[in-house]
Amino acid sequence: MIAQATAKISALEAEAAANLFLSDHLPDRYCADDPQYDAITQVWRIPVILAYPFIGSLGAVGELTVNPFSKAVVSHTPIDQMRQRGQALYQQNREAIEAAFLSAGNA
């Protein structure tokens, strides 16, 4: 039986690494959600969501995996695919997004 290593970086550190990667590749509405440590593959699995102020998450657009020892992004859903999913979520929720911003502007 092979011993499995435990993560040396915390979930918060993995999420920060994911958000740094996302900020370099996607607009600001894309962000990391709650990391889950996968002990079998020994990576942090981090959903990528599209979120808006006043509304919150519109849904998942992809996933990143982060090395639990170096904070390096190991893999990710292709950037173009995340953009396409984000655009689809935006279109599905466009009226609610616009209403939330109008409401916030009138407050």
C-alpha atoms as a PDB file:
ATOM      1  CA  MET A   1       0.000   0.000   0.000  1.00  0.00           C
ATOM      2  CA  ILE A   2       1.322   3.436  -0.966  1.00  0.00           C
ATOM      3  CA  ALA A   3       1.159   6.123   1.698  1.00  0.00           C
ATOM      4  CA  GLN A   4      -0.696   9.227   0.625  1.00  0.00           C
ATOM      5  CA  ALA A   5       0.734  12.638   1.389  1.00  0.00           C
ATOM      6  CA  THR A   6      -1.383  15.322   2.932  1.00  0.00           C
ATOM      7  CA  ALA A   7      -1.595  18.797   1.474  1.00  0.00           C
ATOM      8  CA  LYS A   8       1.019  21.247   2.685  1.00  0.00           C
ATOM      9  CA  ILE A   9      -0.954  24.284   1.588  1.00  0.00           C
ATOM     10  CA  SER A  10      -4.343  25.176   3.009  1.00  0.00           C
ATOM     11  CA  ALA A  11      -7.599  25.433   1.110  1.00  0.00           C
ATOM     12  CA  LEU A  12      -7.331  29.215   1.417  1.00  0.00           C
ATOM     13  CA  GLU A  13      -3.852  29.195  -0.143  1.00  0.00           C
ATOM     14  CA  ALA A  14      -5.054  26.939  -2.963  1.00  0.00           C
ATOM     15  CA  GLU A  15      -8.016  29.254  -3.597  1.00  0.00           C
ATOM     16  CA  ALA A  16      -5.680  32.275  -3.656  1.00  0.00           C
ATOM     17  CA  ALA A  17      -3.425  30.532  -6.203  1.00  0.00           C
ATOM     18  CA  ALA A  18      -6.468  29.738  -8.342  1.00  0.00           C
ATOM     19  CA  ASN A  19      -7.740  33.326  -8.173  1.00  0.00           C
ATOM     20  CA  LEU A  20      -4.321  34.658  -9.172  1.00  0.00           C
ATOM     21  CA  PHE A  21      -4.329  32.355 -12.198  1.00  0.00           C
ATOM     22  CA  LEU A  22      -7.875  33.429 -13.086  1.00  0.00           C
ATOM     23  CA  SER A  23      -7.064  37.130 -12.775  1.00  0.00           C
ATOM     24  CA  ASP A  24      -4.253  36.641 -15.292  1.00  0.00           C
ATOM     25  CA  HIS A  25      -6.507  34.898 -17.835  1.00  0.00           C
ATOM     26  CA  LEU A  26     -10.137  35.973 -17.394  1.00  0.00           C
ATOM     27  CA  PRO A  27     -12.193  39.075 -16.523  1.00  0.00           C
ATOM     28  CA  ASP A  28     -12.948  39.900 -12.899  1.00  0.00           C
ATOM     29  CA  ARG A  29     -16.331  38.149 -12.712  1.00  0.00           C
ATOM     30  CA  TYR A  30     -14.644  34.736 -12.787  1.00  0.00           C
ATOM     31  CA  CYS A  31     -13.437  33.452  -9.434  1.00  0.00           C
ATOM     32  CA  ALA A  32     -12.503  30.361  -7.484  1.00  0.00           C
ATOM     33  CA  ASP A  33     -15.110  28.662  -5.315  1.00  0.00           C
ATOM     34  CA  ASP A  34     -14.621  26.283  -2.375  1.00  0.00           C
ATOM     35  CA  PRO A  35     -11.548  24.047  -2.853  1.00  0.00           C
ATOM     36  CA  GLN A  36     -11.836  20.343  -2.154  1.00  0.00           C
ATOM     37  CA  TYR A  37      -8.747  18.249  -1.528  1.00  0.00           C
ATOM     38  CA  ASP A  38      -8.680  15.080  -3.630  1.00  0.00           C
ATOM     39  CA  ALA A  39      -6.522  12.664  -1.623  1.00  0.00           C
ATOM     40  CA  ILE A  40      -6.514  10.070  -4.396  1.00  0.00           C
ATOM     41  CA  THR A  41      -5.026  12.326  -7.085  1.00  0.00           C
ATOM     42  CA  GLN A  42      -3.385  14.593  -4.500  1.00  0.00           C
ATOM     43  CA  VAL A  43      -4.575  17.921  -5.885  1.00  0.00           C
ATOM     44  CA  TRP A  44      -6.852  20.686  -4.757  1.00  0.00           C
ATOM     45  CA  ARG A  45      -9.936  20.694  -7.030  1.00  0.00           C
ATOM     46  CA  ILE A  46     -11.328  24.188  -7.315  1.00  0.00           C
ATOM     47  CA  PRO A  47     -14.526  25.058  -9.171  1.00  0.00           C
ATOM     48  CA  VAL A  48     -14.453  28.243 -11.230  1.00  0.00           C
ATOM     49  CA  ILE A  49     -17.651  30.270 -11.044  1.00  0.00           C
ATOM     50  CA  LEU A  50     -19.083  33.358 -12.679  1.00  0.00           C
ATOM     51  CA  ALA A  51     -20.310  35.781 -10.016  1.00  0.00           C
ATOM     52  CA  TYR A  52     -21.754  39.286  -9.921  1.00  0.00           C
ATOM     53  CA  PRO A  53     -22.102  41.793  -7.091  1.00  0.00           C
ATOM     54  CA  PHE A  54     -25.622  41.968  -5.629  1.00  0.00           C
ATOM     55  CA  ILE A  55     -26.404  38.551  -7.165  1.00  0.00           C
ATOM     56  CA  GLY A  56     -23.637  36.115  -6.262  1.00  0.00           C
ATOM     57  CA  SER A  57     -22.730  33.014  -8.216  1.00  0.00           C
ATOM     58  CA  LEU A  58     -24.460  32.381 -11.528  1.00  0.00           C
ATOM     59  CA  GLY A  59     -22.897  28.921 -11.755  1.00  0.00           C
ATOM     60  CA  ALA A  60     -19.783  26.923 -12.485  1.00  0.00           C
ATOM     61  CA  VAL A  61     -17.873  27.456 -15.719  1.00  0.00           C
ATOM     62  CA  GLY A  62     -14.938  25.116 -15.147  1.00  0.00           C
ATOM     63  CA  GLU A  63     -12.383  23.730 -12.726  1.00  0.00           C
ATOM     64  CA  LEU A  64      -8.747  24.235 -11.775  1.00  0.00           C
ATOM     65  CA  THR A  65      -6.498  21.800  -9.991  1.00  0.00           C
ATOM     66  CA  VAL A  66      -3.709  23.109  -7.791  1.00  0.00           C
ATOM     67  CA  ASN A  67      -0.632  21.244  -6.604  1.00  0.00           C
ATOM     68  CA  PRO A  68      -0.978  20.870  -2.809  1.00  0.00           C
ATOM     69  CA  PHE A  69       2.749  21.383  -2.243  1.00  0.00           C
ATOM     70  CA  SER A  70       3.779  24.150  -4.662  1.00  0.00           C
ATOM     71  CA  LYS A  71       0.559  26.149  -5.288  1.00  0.00           C
ATOM     72  CA  ALA A  72       1.078  25.637  -9.037  1.00  0.00           C
ATOM     73  CA  VAL A  73      -1.974  25.258 -11.259  1.00  0.00           C
ATOM     74  CA  VAL A  74      -1.722  21.696 -12.565  1.00  0.00           C
ATOM     75  CA  SER A  75      -4.675  21.732 -14.962  1.00  0.00           C
ATOM     76  CA  HIS A  76      -7.696  23.799 -15.865  1.00  0.00           C
ATOM     77  CA  THR A  77     -10.727  23.832 -18.076  1.00  0.00           C
ATOM     78  CA  PRO A  78      -9.680  25.539 -21.328  1.00  0.00           C
ATOM     79  CA  ILE A  79      -9.952  29.333 -21.021  1.00  0.00           C
ATOM     80  CA  ASP A  80     -12.091  29.650 -24.173  1.00  0.00           C
ATOM     81  CA  GLN A  81     -14.491  27.050 -22.815  1.00  0.00           C
ATOM     82  CA  MET A  82     -14.826  28.932 -19.507  1.00  0.00           C
ATOM     83  CA  ARG A  83     -15.469  32.177 -21.424  1.00  0.00           C
ATOM     84  CA  GLN A  84     -18.177  30.508 -23.523  1.00  0.00           C
ATOM     85  CA  ARG A  85     -19.877  29.026 -20.462  1.00  0.00           C
ATOM     86  CA  GLY A  86     -19.645  32.397 -18.718  1.00  0.00           C
ATOM     87  CA  GLN A  87     -21.225  34.153 -21.694  1.00  0.00           C
ATOM     88  CA  ALA A  88     -24.063  31.628 -21.723  1.00  0.00           C
ATOM     89  CA  LEU A  89     -24.677  32.122 -17.985  1.00  0.00           C
ATOM     90  CA  TYR A  90     -24.634  35.889 -18.459  1.00  0.00           C
ATOM     91  CA  GLN A  91     -27.194  35.685 -21.270  1.00  0.00           C
ATOM     92  CA  GLN A  92     -29.445  33.412 -19.182  1.00  0.00           C
ATOM     93  CA  ASN A  93     -29.314  35.875 -16.273  1.00  0.00           C
ATOM     94  CA  ARG A  94     -28.973  39.187 -18.092  1.00  0.00           C
ATOM     95  CA  GLU A  95     -32.264  40.688 -16.909  1.00  0.00           C
ATOM     96  CA  ALA A  96     -31.559  39.833 -13.260  1.00  0.00           C
ATOM     97  CA  ILE A  97     -28.017  41.244 -13.512  1.00  0.00           C
ATOM     98  CA  GLU A  98     -29.211  44.505 -15.042  1.00  0.00           C
ATOM     99  CA  ALA A  99     -32.055  44.813 -12.517  1.00  0.00           C
ATOM    100  CA  ALA A 100     -29.655  44.261  -9.613  1.00  0.00           C
ATOM    101  CA  PHE A 101     -27.302  46.964 -10.839  1.00  0.00           C
ATOM    102  CA  LEU A 102     -30.137  49.405 -11.479  1.00  0.00           C
ATOM    103  CA  SER A 103     -31.542  48.726  -8.031  1.00  0.00           C
ATOM    104  CA  ALA A 104     -28.137  49.205  -6.413  1.00  0.00           C
ATOM    105  CA  GLY A 105     -27.643  52.453  -8.313  1.00  0.00           C
ATOM    106  CA  ASN A 106     -30.954  53.785  -6.994  1.00  0.00           C
ATOM    107  CA  ALA A 107     -30.200  52.879  -3.380  1.00  0.00           C
END
